[in-house]
Amino acid sequence: MKASELVGKTKDELNTKLVDLKKEQFNLRFQKATGQLENTARVRQVRRDIARVQTALRQQAEKRA
C-alpha cells in the first residue's frame, strides 16, 4: 500500500483499514509462534502499512484542528 492511496479516504475507512491490518498482524504473529508462517516479509509490510494508516489519521486530525 502506498501513502497516496490513503489520502482520499475518510476517517471511518482509515479506521476500518487499521483494524483489518491489526487483525492480520495478530494472525501473522500467531503463525510465527506456531511455526506456520511462510511469508516472513509480510510481517514487515503489515507493520509499515499500520504506520502509514496511523500517519494519515494524524494528518487528517491536524487539518481539522
PDB file of N, CA and C in Angstrom:
ATOM      1  N   MET A   1       0.840  -1.167   0.000  1.00  0.00           N
ATOM      2  CA  MET A   1       0.000   0.000   0.000  1.00  0.00           C
ATOM      3  C   MET A   1       0.891   1.239   0.000  1.00  0.00           C
ATOM      4  N   LYS A   2       0.473   2.230  -0.758  1.00  0.00           N
ATOM      5  CA  LYS A   2       1.205   3.479  -0.812  1.00  0.00           C
ATOM      6  C   LYS A   2       0.448   4.542  -0.026  1.00  0.00           C
ATOM      7  N   ALA A   3       1.170   5.516   0.458  1.00  0.00           N
ATOM      8  CA  ALA A   3       0.560   6.582   1.234  1.00  0.00           C
ATOM      9  C   ALA A   3      -0.435   7.370   0.377  1.00  0.00           C
ATOM     10  N   SER A   4      -0.180   7.471  -0.919  1.00  0.00           N
ATOM     11  CA  SER A   4      -1.077   8.211  -1.806  1.00  0.00           C
ATOM     12  C   SER A   4      -2.444   7.548  -1.917  1.00  0.00           C
ATOM     13  N   GLU A   5      -2.507   6.245  -1.672  1.00  0.00           N
ATOM     14  CA  GLU A   5      -3.788   5.543  -1.702  1.00  0.00           C
ATOM     15  C   GLU A   5      -4.664   5.916  -0.511  1.00  0.00           C
ATOM     16  N   LEU A   6      -4.066   6.416   0.548  1.00  0.00           N
ATOM     17  CA  LEU A   6      -4.795   6.707   1.775  1.00  0.00           C
ATOM     18  C   LEU A   6      -5.297   8.144   1.842  1.00  0.00           C
ATOM     19  N   VAL A   7      -4.795   8.995   0.970  1.00  0.00           N
ATOM     20  CA  VAL A   7      -5.090  10.425   1.065  1.00  0.00           C
ATOM     21  C   VAL A   7      -6.577  10.726   0.932  1.00  0.00           C
ATOM     22  N   GLY A   8      -7.262  10.115   0.003  1.00  0.00           N
ATOM     23  CA  GLY A   8      -8.655  10.454  -0.243  1.00  0.00           C
ATOM     24  C   GLY A   8      -9.656   9.724   0.628  1.00  0.00           C
ATOM     25  N   LYS A   9      -9.190   8.891   1.527  1.00  0.00           N
ATOM     26  CA  LYS A   9     -10.106   8.083   2.329  1.00  0.00           C
ATOM     27  C   LYS A   9     -10.613   8.856   3.539  1.00  0.00           C
ATOM     28  N   THR A  10     -11.815   8.484   3.978  1.00  0.00           N
ATOM     29  CA  THR A  10     -12.404   9.119   5.151  1.00  0.00           C
ATOM     30  C   THR A  10     -11.824   8.524   6.421  1.00  0.00           C
ATOM     31  N   LYS A  11     -12.128   9.170   7.532  1.00  0.00           N
ATOM     32  CA  LYS A  11     -11.643   8.696   8.823  1.00  0.00           C
ATOM     33  C   LYS A  11     -12.170   7.290   9.123  1.00  0.00           C
ATOM     34  N   ASP A  12     -13.439   7.046   8.801  1.00  0.00           N
ATOM     35  CA  ASP A  12     -14.027   5.725   9.046  1.00  0.00           C
ATOM     36  C   ASP A  12     -13.363   4.648   8.206  1.00  0.00           C
ATOM     37  N   GLU A  13     -13.072   4.960   6.949  1.00  0.00           N
ATOM     38  CA  GLU A  13     -12.393   3.994   6.076  1.00  0.00           C
ATOM     39  C   GLU A  13     -10.993   3.678   6.596  1.00  0.00           C
ATOM     40  N   LEU A  14     -10.303   4.714   7.067  1.00  0.00           N
ATOM     41  CA  LEU A  14      -8.962   4.504   7.595  1.00  0.00           C
ATOM     42  C   LEU A  14      -8.995   3.677   8.880  1.00  0.00           C
ATOM     43  N   ASN A  15      -9.971   3.954   9.731  1.00  0.00           N
ATOM     44  CA  ASN A  15     -10.097   3.175  10.972  1.00  0.00           C
ATOM     45  C   ASN A  15     -10.411   1.715  10.674  1.00  0.00           C
ATOM     46  N   THR A  16     -11.257   1.472   9.680  1.00  0.00           N
ATOM     47  CA  THR A  16     -11.571   0.100   9.286  1.00  0.00           C
ATOM     48  C   THR A  16     -10.330  -0.604   8.762  1.00  0.00           C
ATOM     49  N   LYS A  17      -9.564   0.087   7.939  1.00  0.00           N
ATOM     50  CA  LYS A  17      -8.321  -0.465   7.395  1.00  0.00           C
ATOM     51  C   LYS A  17      -7.334  -0.773   8.517  1.00  0.00           C
ATOM     52  N   LEU A  18      -7.275   0.114   9.499  1.00  0.00           N
ATOM     53  CA  LEU A  18      -6.368  -0.081  10.628  1.00  0.00           C
ATOM     54  C   LEU A  18      -6.745  -1.325  11.430  1.00  0.00           C
ATOM     55  N   VAL A  19      -8.025  -1.514  11.668  1.00  0.00           N
ATOM     56  CA  VAL A  19      -8.498  -2.697  12.397  1.00  0.00           C
ATOM     57  C   VAL A  19      -8.150  -3.966  11.622  1.00  0.00           C
ATOM     58  N   ASP A  20      -8.374  -3.942  10.310  1.00  0.00           N
ATOM     59  CA  ASP A  20      -8.055  -5.112   9.483  1.00  0.00           C
ATOM     60  C   ASP A  20      -6.561  -5.444   9.528  1.00  0.00           C
ATOM     61  N   LEU A  21      -5.736  -4.414   9.449  1.00  0.00           N
ATOM     62  CA  LEU A  21      -4.292  -4.629   9.482  1.00  0.00           C
ATOM     63  C   LEU A  21      -3.832  -5.155  10.840  1.00  0.00           C
ATOM     64  N   LYS A  22      -4.430  -4.653  11.909  1.00  0.00           N
ATOM     65  CA  LYS A  22      -4.054  -5.135  13.248  1.00  0.00           C
ATOM     66  C   LYS A  22      -4.452  -6.602  13.425  1.00  0.00           C
ATOM     67  N   LYS A  23      -5.614  -6.981  12.866  1.00  0.00           N
ATOM     68  CA  LYS A  23      -6.027  -8.385  12.925  1.00  0.00           C
ATOM     69  C   LYS A  23      -5.053  -9.258  12.146  1.00  0.00           C
ATOM     70  N   GLU A  24      -4.650  -8.771  10.971  1.00  0.00           N
ATOM     71  CA  GLU A  24      -3.687  -9.526  10.161  1.00  0.00           C
ATOM     72  C   GLU A  24      -2.354  -9.644  10.889  1.00  0.00           C
ATOM     73  N   GLN A  25      -1.939  -8.568  11.540  1.00  0.00           N
ATOM     74  CA  GLN A  25      -0.688  -8.593  12.285  1.00  0.00           C
ATOM     75  C   GLN A  25      -0.757  -9.631  13.409  1.00  0.00           C
ATOM     76  N   PHE A  26      -1.882  -9.687  14.110  1.00  0.00           N
ATOM     77  CA  PHE A  26      -2.057 -10.682  15.168  1.00  0.00           C
ATOM     78  C   PHE A  26      -1.968 -12.092  14.600  1.00  0.00           C
ATOM     79  N   ASN A  27      -2.647 -12.320  13.481  1.00  0.00           N
ATOM     80  CA  ASN A  27      -2.629 -13.647  12.869  1.00  0.00           C
ATOM     81  C   ASN A  27      -1.225 -14.040  12.416  1.00  0.00           C
ATOM     82  N   LEU A  28      -0.477 -13.081  11.883  1.00  0.00           N
ATOM     83  CA  LEU A  28       0.888 -13.360  11.461  1.00  0.00           C
ATOM     84  C   LEU A  28       1.784 -13.693  12.651  1.00  0.00           C
ATOM     85  N   ARG A  29       1.597 -12.966  13.748  1.00  0.00           N
ATOM     86  CA  ARG A  29       2.384 -13.267  14.953  1.00  0.00           C
ATOM     87  C   ARG A  29       2.047 -14.650  15.483  1.00  0.00           C
ATOM     88  N   PHE A  30       0.768 -15.003  15.419  1.00  0.00           N
ATOM     89  CA  PHE A  30       0.337 -16.318  15.876  1.00  0.00           C
ATOM     90  C   PHE A  30       0.947 -17.409  15.003  1.00  0.00           C
ATOM     91  N   GLN A  31       0.936 -17.199  13.683  1.00  0.00           N
ATOM     92  CA  GLN A  31       1.538 -18.163  12.760  1.00  0.00           C
ATOM     93  C   GLN A  31       3.039 -18.303  13.021  1.00  0.00           C
ATOM     94  N   LYS A  32       3.703 -17.186  13.304  1.00  0.00           N
ATOM     95  CA  LYS A  32       5.136 -17.236  13.572  1.00  0.00           C
ATOM     96  C   LYS A  32       5.420 -18.043  14.838  1.00  0.00           C
ATOM     97  N   ALA A  33       4.593 -17.847  15.860  1.00  0.00           N
ATOM     98  CA  ALA A  33       4.800 -18.544  17.130  1.00  0.00           C
ATOM     99  C   ALA A  33       4.581 -20.049  16.987  1.00  0.00           C
ATOM    100  N   THR A  34       3.685 -20.435  16.094  1.00  0.00           N
ATOM    101  CA  THR A  34       3.397 -21.856  15.925  1.00  0.00           C
ATOM    102  C   THR A  34       4.232 -22.483  14.807  1.00  0.00           C
ATOM    103  N   GLY A  35       5.085 -21.676  14.179  1.00  0.00           N
ATOM    104  CA  GLY A  35       5.959 -22.201  13.133  1.00  0.00           C
ATOM    105  C   GLY A  35       5.279 -22.405  11.793  1.00  0.00           C
ATOM    106  N   GLN A  36       4.149 -21.761  11.559  1.00  0.00           N
ATOM    107  CA  GLN A  36       3.400 -21.927  10.317  1.00  0.00           C
ATOM    108  C   GLN A  36       3.575 -20.765   9.342  1.00  0.00           C
ATOM    109  N   LEU A  37       4.336 -19.758   9.733  1.00  0.00           N
ATOM    110  CA  LEU A  37       4.492 -18.567   8.900  1.00  0.00           C
ATOM    111  C   LEU A  37       5.405 -18.864   7.726  1.00  0.00           C
ATOM    112  N   GLU A  38       4.884 -18.650   6.513  1.00  0.00           N
ATOM    113  CA  GLU A  38       5.663 -18.903   5.309  1.00  0.00           C
ATOM    114  C   GLU A  38       6.275 -17.623   4.755  1.00  0.00           C
ATOM    115  N   ASN A  39       5.480 -16.559   4.696  1.00  0.00           N
ATOM    116  CA  ASN A  39       5.958 -15.299   4.125  1.00  0.00           C
ATOM    117  C   ASN A  39       6.367 -14.353   5.261  1.00  0.00           C
ATOM    118  N   THR A  40       7.621 -14.428   5.668  1.00  0.00           N
ATOM    119  CA  THR A  40       8.081 -13.613   6.790  1.00  0.00           C
ATOM    120  C   THR A  40       8.133 -12.123   6.456  1.00  0.00           C
ATOM    121  N   ALA A  41       8.265 -11.794   5.196  1.00  0.00           N
ATOM    122  CA  ALA A  41       8.323 -10.388   4.791  1.00  0.00           C
ATOM    123  C   ALA A  41       6.984  -9.687   4.995  1.00  0.00           C
ATOM    124  N   ARG A  42       5.916 -10.447   5.034  1.00  0.00           N
ATOM    125  CA  ARG A  42       4.581  -9.858   5.204  1.00  0.00           C
ATOM    126  C   ARG A  42       4.446  -9.184   6.571  1.00  0.00           C
ATOM    127  N   VAL A  43       5.152  -9.691   7.578  1.00  0.00           N
ATOM    128  CA  VAL A  43       5.113  -9.092   8.918  1.00  0.00           C
ATOM    129  C   VAL A  43       5.584  -7.640   8.837  1.00  0.00           C
ATOM    130  N   ARG A  44       6.679  -7.430   8.131  1.00  0.00           N
ATOM    131  CA  ARG A  44       7.234  -6.083   7.974  1.00  0.00           C
ATOM    132  C   ARG A  44       6.299  -5.188   7.169  1.00  0.00           C
ATOM    133  N   GLN A  45       5.722  -5.727   6.105  1.00  0.00           N
ATOM    134  CA  GLN A  45       4.798  -4.950   5.270  1.00  0.00           C
ATOM    135  C   GLN A  45       3.598  -4.474   6.082  1.00  0.00           C
ATOM    136  N   VAL A  46       3.028  -5.381   6.857  1.00  0.00           N
ATOM    137  CA  VAL A  46       1.835  -5.040   7.637  1.00  0.00           C
ATOM    138  C   VAL A  46       2.174  -3.979   8.678  1.00  0.00           C
ATOM    139  N   ARG A  47       3.320  -4.138   9.331  1.00  0.00           N
ATOM    140  CA  ARG A  47       3.726  -3.167  10.352  1.00  0.00           C
ATOM    141  C   ARG A  47       3.867  -1.770   9.741  1.00  0.00           C
ATOM    142  N   ARG A  48       4.452  -1.702   8.565  1.00  0.00           N
ATOM    143  CA  ARG A  48       4.622  -0.406   7.907  1.00  0.00           C
ATOM    144  C   ARG A  48       3.303   0.157   7.391  1.00  0.00           C
ATOM    145  N   ASP A  49       2.408  -0.718   6.921  1.00  0.00           N
ATOM    146  CA  ASP A  49       1.091  -0.262   6.484  1.00  0.00           C
ATOM    147  C   ASP A  49       0.304   0.321   7.658  1.00  0.00           C
ATOM    148  N   ILE A  50       0.435  -0.298   8.835  1.00  0.00           N
ATOM    149  CA  ILE A  50      -0.225   0.230  10.028  1.00  0.00           C
ATOM    150  C   ILE A  50       0.295   1.633  10.321  1.00  0.00           C
ATOM    151  N   ALA A  51       1.589   1.816  10.231  1.00  0.00           N
ATOM    152  CA  ALA A  51       2.183   3.133  10.473  1.00  0.00           C
ATOM    153  C   ALA A  51       1.683   4.156   9.463  1.00  0.00           C
ATOM    154  N   ARG A  52       1.547   3.745   8.200  1.00  0.00           N
ATOM    155  CA  ARG A  52       1.047   4.665   7.166  1.00  0.00           C
ATOM    156  C   ARG A  52      -0.386   5.107   7.457  1.00  0.00           C
ATOM    157  N   VAL A  53      -1.224   4.160   7.864  1.00  0.00           N
ATOM    158  CA  VAL A  53      -2.619   4.493   8.162  1.00  0.00           C
ATOM    159  C   VAL A  53      -2.689   5.417   9.371  1.00  0.00           C
ATOM    160  N   GLN A  54      -1.909   5.128  10.394  1.00  0.00           N
ATOM    161  CA  GLN A  54      -1.903   5.984  11.579  1.00  0.00           C
ATOM    162  C   GLN A  54      -1.417   7.386  11.247  1.00  0.00           C
ATOM    163  N   THR A  55      -0.433   7.490  10.376  1.00  0.00           N
ATOM    164  CA  THR A  55       0.069   8.797   9.947  1.00  0.00           C
ATOM    165  C   THR A  55      -1.014   9.560   9.198  1.00  0.00           C
ATOM    166  N   ALA A  56      -1.735   8.882   8.317  1.00  0.00           N
ATOM    167  CA  ALA A  56      -2.811   9.527   7.559  1.00  0.00           C
ATOM    168  C   ALA A  56      -3.913  10.012   8.504  1.00  0.00           C
ATOM    169  N   LEU A  57      -4.223   9.218   9.523  1.00  0.00           N
ATOM    170  CA  LEU A  57      -5.238   9.630  10.500  1.00  0.00           C
ATOM    171  C   LEU A  57      -4.782  10.872  11.265  1.00  0.00           C
ATOM    172  N   ARG A  58      -3.512  10.902  11.664  1.00  0.00           N
ATOM    173  CA  ARG A  58      -2.985  12.063  12.384  1.00  0.00           C
ATOM    174  C   ARG A  58      -2.992  13.311  11.510  1.00  0.00           C
ATOM    175  N   GLN A  59      -2.656  13.145  10.229  1.00  0.00           N
ATOM    176  CA  GLN A  59      -2.639  14.296   9.315  1.00  0.00           C
ATOM    177  C   GLN A  59      -4.041  14.853   9.141  1.00  0.00           C
ATOM    178  N   GLN A  60      -5.036  13.969   9.057  1.00  0.00           N
ATOM    179  CA  GLN A  60      -6.412  14.434   8.946  1.00  0.00           C
ATOM    180  C   GLN A  60      -6.843  15.180  10.204  1.00  0.00           C
ATOM    181  N   ALA A  61      -6.430  14.683  11.361  1.00  0.00           N
ATOM    182  CA  ALA A  61      -6.787  15.333  12.617  1.00  0.00           C
ATOM    183  C   ALA A  61      -6.158  16.731  12.713  1.00  0.00           C
ATOM    184  N   GLU A  62      -4.946  16.870  12.203  1.00  0.00           N
ATOM    185  CA  GLU A  62      -4.278  18.170  12.214  1.00  0.00           C
ATOM    186  C   GLU A  62      -4.985  19.168  11.315  1.00  0.00           C
ATOM    187  N   LYS A  63      -5.476  18.706  10.165  1.00  0.00           N
ATOM    188  CA  LYS A  63      -6.170  19.578   9.229  1.00  0.00           C
ATOM    189  C   LYS A  63      -7.477  20.090   9.824  1.00  0.00           C
ATOM    190  N   ARG A  64      -8.135  19.261  10.596  1.00  0.00           N
ATOM    191  CA  ARG A  64      -9.427  19.635  11.191  1.00  0.00           C
ATOM    192  C   ARG A  64      -9.254  20.575  12.375  1.00  0.00           C
ATOM    193  N   ALA A  65      -8.123  20.480  13.042  1.00  0.00           N
ATOM    194  CA  ALA A  65      -7.912  21.284  14.263  1.00  0.00           C
ATOM    195  C   ALA A  65      -7.527  22.711  13.958  1.00  0.00           C
TER     196      ALA A  65
END
